[in-house]
């Protein structure tokens, strides 16, 4: 489990197709404090550390994960939002995020509003019903509050601090973004289906 509060901006150092995709990710994390087999959310995708060095870690990514996320757009030098797994007693500053991406949204508009930027996204139609005004979503691993919803489009504001310490400062219209809907919305929808 994660919170959607990004704690490092990593860099893809290499990608290697070896059946599964192997990615080496540069990080500022103290890797001496990370266990082999630990989970790190990379742009919101929960991935397992399979190898590591002083300032990097490797992850293996299945074809399933590549097909359901924006990992296929990663290249050497891509910047990734990173978050280590939640520990009991950690502050829950965002919302509960599983790291299991539901689909890929697209940035369809960006507009500065004061120092913040209003982003408008188009969600896949099958996921749009799970997104509600003032609800939470995780976008590229970042916990964000939904401002408004209009069909399959929804908006969020991203403040200057978030743009400075995450990949959001480099985002542009047309970018694909990993979308994880709020877990509570998923269970409410399932309860309604059951009835």
Protein backbone atom coordinates (compact mmCIF):
# COMPACT_ATOMS: atom_id res chain seq x y z
CA UNK A 1 0.00 0.00 0.00
CA UNK A 2 1.01 3.58 -0.71
CA UNK A 3 -0.31 7.07 0.01
CA UNK A 4 0.20 8.85 -3.31
CA UNK A 5 2.68 11.25 -1.71
CA UNK A 6 5.72 11.19 -4.01
CA UNK A 7 9.03 11.01 -2.13
CA UNK A 8 11.55 10.93 -5.01
CA UNK A 9 11.77 11.76 -8.69
CA UNK A 10 13.64 8.84 -10.24
CA UNK A 11 15.19 8.46 -13.68
CA UNK A 12 15.02 5.48 -16.03
CA UNK A 13 18.66 4.54 -16.64
CA UNK A 14 18.09 1.51 -18.86
CA UNK A 15 15.39 -0.76 -20.27
CA UNK A 16 16.05 -4.32 -21.38
CA UNK A 17 13.56 -6.77 -22.89
CA UNK A 18 14.38 -10.21 -21.49
CA UNK A 19 10.94 -11.83 -21.72
CA UNK A 20 9.79 -9.43 -19.05
CA UNK A 21 10.97 -5.83 -19.23
CA UNK A 22 13.88 -5.07 -16.87
CA UNK A 23 14.16 -1.39 -15.88
CA UNK A 24 17.01 0.19 -13.96
CA UNK A 25 15.84 3.27 -12.09
CA UNK A 26 18.15 5.87 -10.58
CA UNK A 27 17.04 7.20 -7.20
CA UNK A 28 18.03 9.43 -4.30
CA UNK A 29 16.67 6.83 -1.84
CA UNK A 30 19.14 5.38 0.65
CA UNK A 31 19.18 1.94 -0.96
CA UNK A 32 20.88 0.46 2.13
CA UNK A 33 17.47 0.88 3.82
CA UNK A 34 15.58 -0.92 1.03
CA UNK A 35 15.22 -4.70 1.15
CA UNK A 36 15.52 -6.92 -1.89
CA UNK A 37 11.90 -7.77 -2.76
CA UNK A 38 10.56 -4.44 -1.45
CA UNK A 39 7.76 -2.69 -3.32
CA UNK A 40 8.30 0.74 -4.84
CA UNK A 41 5.57 2.54 -6.77
CA UNK A 42 7.01 3.84 -10.05
CA UNK A 43 4.58 6.29 -11.70
CA UNK A 44 1.92 4.59 -9.60
CA UNK A 45 2.78 1.02 -10.60
CA UNK A 46 3.72 -1.23 -7.67
CA UNK A 47 6.99 -2.92 -8.71
CA UNK A 48 9.34 -5.28 -6.87
CA UNK A 49 13.01 -4.48 -6.33
CA UNK A 50 14.98 -7.41 -7.83
CA UNK A 51 18.49 -5.92 -7.70
CA UNK A 52 20.03 -2.70 -6.39
CA UNK A 53 23.11 -0.55 -6.03
CA UNK A 54 23.98 2.57 -4.06
CA UNK A 55 21.75 4.89 -6.15
CA UNK A 56 19.64 2.59 -8.33
CA UNK A 57 17.29 -0.37 -8.29
CA UNK A 58 16.10 -2.84 -10.92
CA UNK A 59 12.52 -4.04 -11.42
CA UNK A 60 11.06 -6.69 -13.71
CA UNK A 61 7.82 -5.64 -15.42
CA UNK A 62 5.44 -8.16 -16.95
CA UNK A 63 3.85 -7.74 -20.37
CA UNK A 64 0.49 -7.46 -18.56
CA UNK A 65 1.71 -4.43 -16.60
CA UNK A 66 3.14 -2.83 -19.73
CA UNK A 67 -0.18 -3.33 -21.57
CA UNK A 68 -2.30 -1.76 -18.80
CA UNK A 69 -0.10 1.27 -18.00
CA UNK A 70 2.02 3.97 -19.61
CA UNK A 71 5.23 1.96 -19.07
CA UNK A 72 5.44 1.44 -22.85
CA UNK A 73 6.29 5.15 -23.17
CA UNK A 74 9.26 4.95 -20.78
CA UNK A 75 12.69 5.57 -22.31
CA UNK A 76 16.18 6.21 -20.98
CA UNK A 77 16.02 9.52 -19.14
CA UNK A 78 12.27 9.36 -18.39
CA UNK A 79 11.48 10.84 -15.00
CA UNK A 80 9.32 8.72 -12.68
CA UNK A 81 7.35 9.54 -9.56
CA UNK A 82 8.58 7.18 -6.83
CA UNK A 83 7.10 6.19 -3.50
CA UNK A 84 8.24 3.52 -1.08
CA UNK A 85 5.60 1.25 0.46
CA UNK A 86 3.65 2.50 3.46
CA UNK A 87 4.84 1.28 6.88
CA UNK A 88 2.59 0.91 9.91
CA UNK A 89 2.67 4.22 11.73
CA UNK A 90 3.54 6.33 8.65
CA UNK A 91 1.55 9.50 8.06
CA UNK A 92 -1.25 8.97 5.55
CA UNK A 93 -0.99 12.30 3.76
CA UNK A 94 -2.75 11.38 0.54
CA UNK A 95 -5.20 8.47 0.29
CA UNK A 96 -4.84 4.70 0.24
CA UNK A 97 -3.26 3.71 -3.07
CA UNK A 98 -2.63 0.07 -4.01
CA UNK A 99 -0.24 0.57 -6.91
CA UNK A 100 -2.56 -1.50 -9.13
CA UNK A 101 -3.24 0.79 -12.08
CA UNK A 102 -6.78 0.56 -13.47
CA UNK A 103 -6.12 2.19 -16.84
CA UNK A 104 -4.51 5.04 -18.70
CA UNK A 105 -5.99 8.54 -18.84
CA UNK A 106 -4.87 11.27 -21.26
CA UNK A 107 -4.06 14.90 -20.51
CA UNK A 108 -6.45 16.83 -22.78
CA UNK A 109 -5.89 20.39 -21.48
CA UNK A 110 -3.66 22.42 -19.18
CA UNK A 111 -4.35 25.96 -18.01
CA UNK A 112 -2.47 28.07 -15.49
CA UNK A 113 -4.65 29.35 -12.64
CA UNK A 114 -2.56 31.65 -10.48
CA UNK A 115 0.59 29.70 -9.63
CA UNK A 116 -1.22 26.36 -9.97
CA UNK A 117 -2.08 24.50 -13.16
CA UNK A 118 -5.53 23.09 -13.92
CA UNK A 119 -5.15 19.75 -15.71
CA UNK A 120 -8.06 18.17 -17.57
CA UNK A 121 -7.92 14.41 -18.20
CA UNK A 122 -9.97 12.00 -20.27
CA UNK A 123 -10.49 8.70 -18.46
CA UNK A 124 -11.33 5.43 -20.19
CA UNK A 125 -15.13 5.19 -20.42
CA UNK A 126 -15.20 2.05 -18.25
CA UNK A 127 -13.52 3.95 -15.38
CA UNK A 128 -15.30 7.31 -15.65
CA UNK A 129 -18.15 6.28 -13.33
CA UNK A 130 -15.67 5.76 -10.48
CA UNK A 131 -14.45 9.37 -10.54
CA UNK A 132 -16.40 11.88 -8.44
CA UNK A 133 -16.01 15.58 -7.63
CA UNK A 134 -13.96 16.05 -4.43
CA UNK A 135 -13.00 12.37 -4.58
CA UNK A 136 -9.44 11.08 -4.85
CA UNK A 137 -7.54 9.61 -7.78
CA UNK A 138 -3.93 8.53 -8.18
CA UNK A 139 -2.40 9.84 -11.40
CA UNK A 140 1.12 8.62 -12.17
CA UNK A 141 1.18 7.65 -8.50
CA UNK A 142 0.27 11.11 -7.19
CA UNK A 143 -2.73 11.43 -4.85
CA UNK A 144 -4.91 14.22 -6.24
CA UNK A 145 -8.35 15.64 -5.50
CA UNK A 146 -10.86 15.78 -8.34
CA UNK A 147 -12.30 19.26 -8.90
CA UNK A 148 -15.02 18.55 -11.44
CA UNK A 149 -16.28 15.74 -13.64
CA UNK A 150 -18.00 15.98 -17.03
CA UNK A 151 -18.68 12.58 -18.52
CA UNK A 152 -15.31 10.90 -19.00
CA UNK A 153 -13.31 14.10 -18.43
CA UNK A 154 -12.25 15.42 -15.06
CA UNK A 155 -10.03 18.17 -13.71
CA UNK A 156 -7.48 18.56 -10.94
CA UNK A 157 -5.29 21.45 -9.82
CA UNK A 158 -1.58 20.85 -9.32
CA UNK A 159 0.24 23.30 -7.06
CA UNK A 160 3.79 24.62 -7.69
CA UNK A 161 5.36 22.38 -5.01
CA UNK A 162 3.92 19.25 -6.62
CA UNK A 163 5.09 20.38 -10.07
CA UNK A 164 8.61 20.98 -8.67
CA UNK A 165 9.10 17.63 -6.89
CA UNK A 166 7.30 15.28 -9.30
CA UNK A 167 7.08 14.63 -13.04
CA UNK A 168 4.07 16.98 -13.30
CA UNK A 169 6.35 19.94 -14.05
CA UNK A 170 7.25 18.22 -17.36
CA UNK A 171 3.73 17.10 -18.34
CA UNK A 172 2.15 18.15 -21.61
CA UNK A 173 -1.17 17.78 -23.41
CA UNK A 174 -1.47 14.33 -25.01
CA UNK A 175 0.60 12.54 -22.36
CA UNK A 176 -0.76 9.18 -21.18
CA UNK A 177 -1.10 9.00 -17.39
CA UNK A 178 -1.50 5.96 -15.13
CA UNK A 179 -4.89 6.14 -13.41
CA UNK A 180 -5.86 4.31 -10.23
CA UNK A 181 -9.38 4.94 -9.04
CA UNK A 182 -10.16 5.28 -5.35
CA UNK A 183 -10.55 1.91 -3.64
CA UNK A 184 -13.73 3.04 -1.86
CA UNK A 185 -15.37 3.92 -5.18
CA UNK A 186 -14.54 0.45 -6.50
CA UNK A 187 -16.24 -1.26 -3.54
CA UNK A 188 -19.30 0.99 -3.61
CA UNK A 189 -19.77 0.20 -7.32
CA UNK A 190 -19.40 -3.53 -6.64
CA UNK A 191 -22.00 -3.39 -3.87
CA UNK A 192 -24.43 -1.66 -6.22
CA UNK A 193 -23.82 -4.29 -8.92
CA UNK A 194 -24.47 -7.11 -6.45
CA UNK A 195 -27.92 -5.74 -5.64
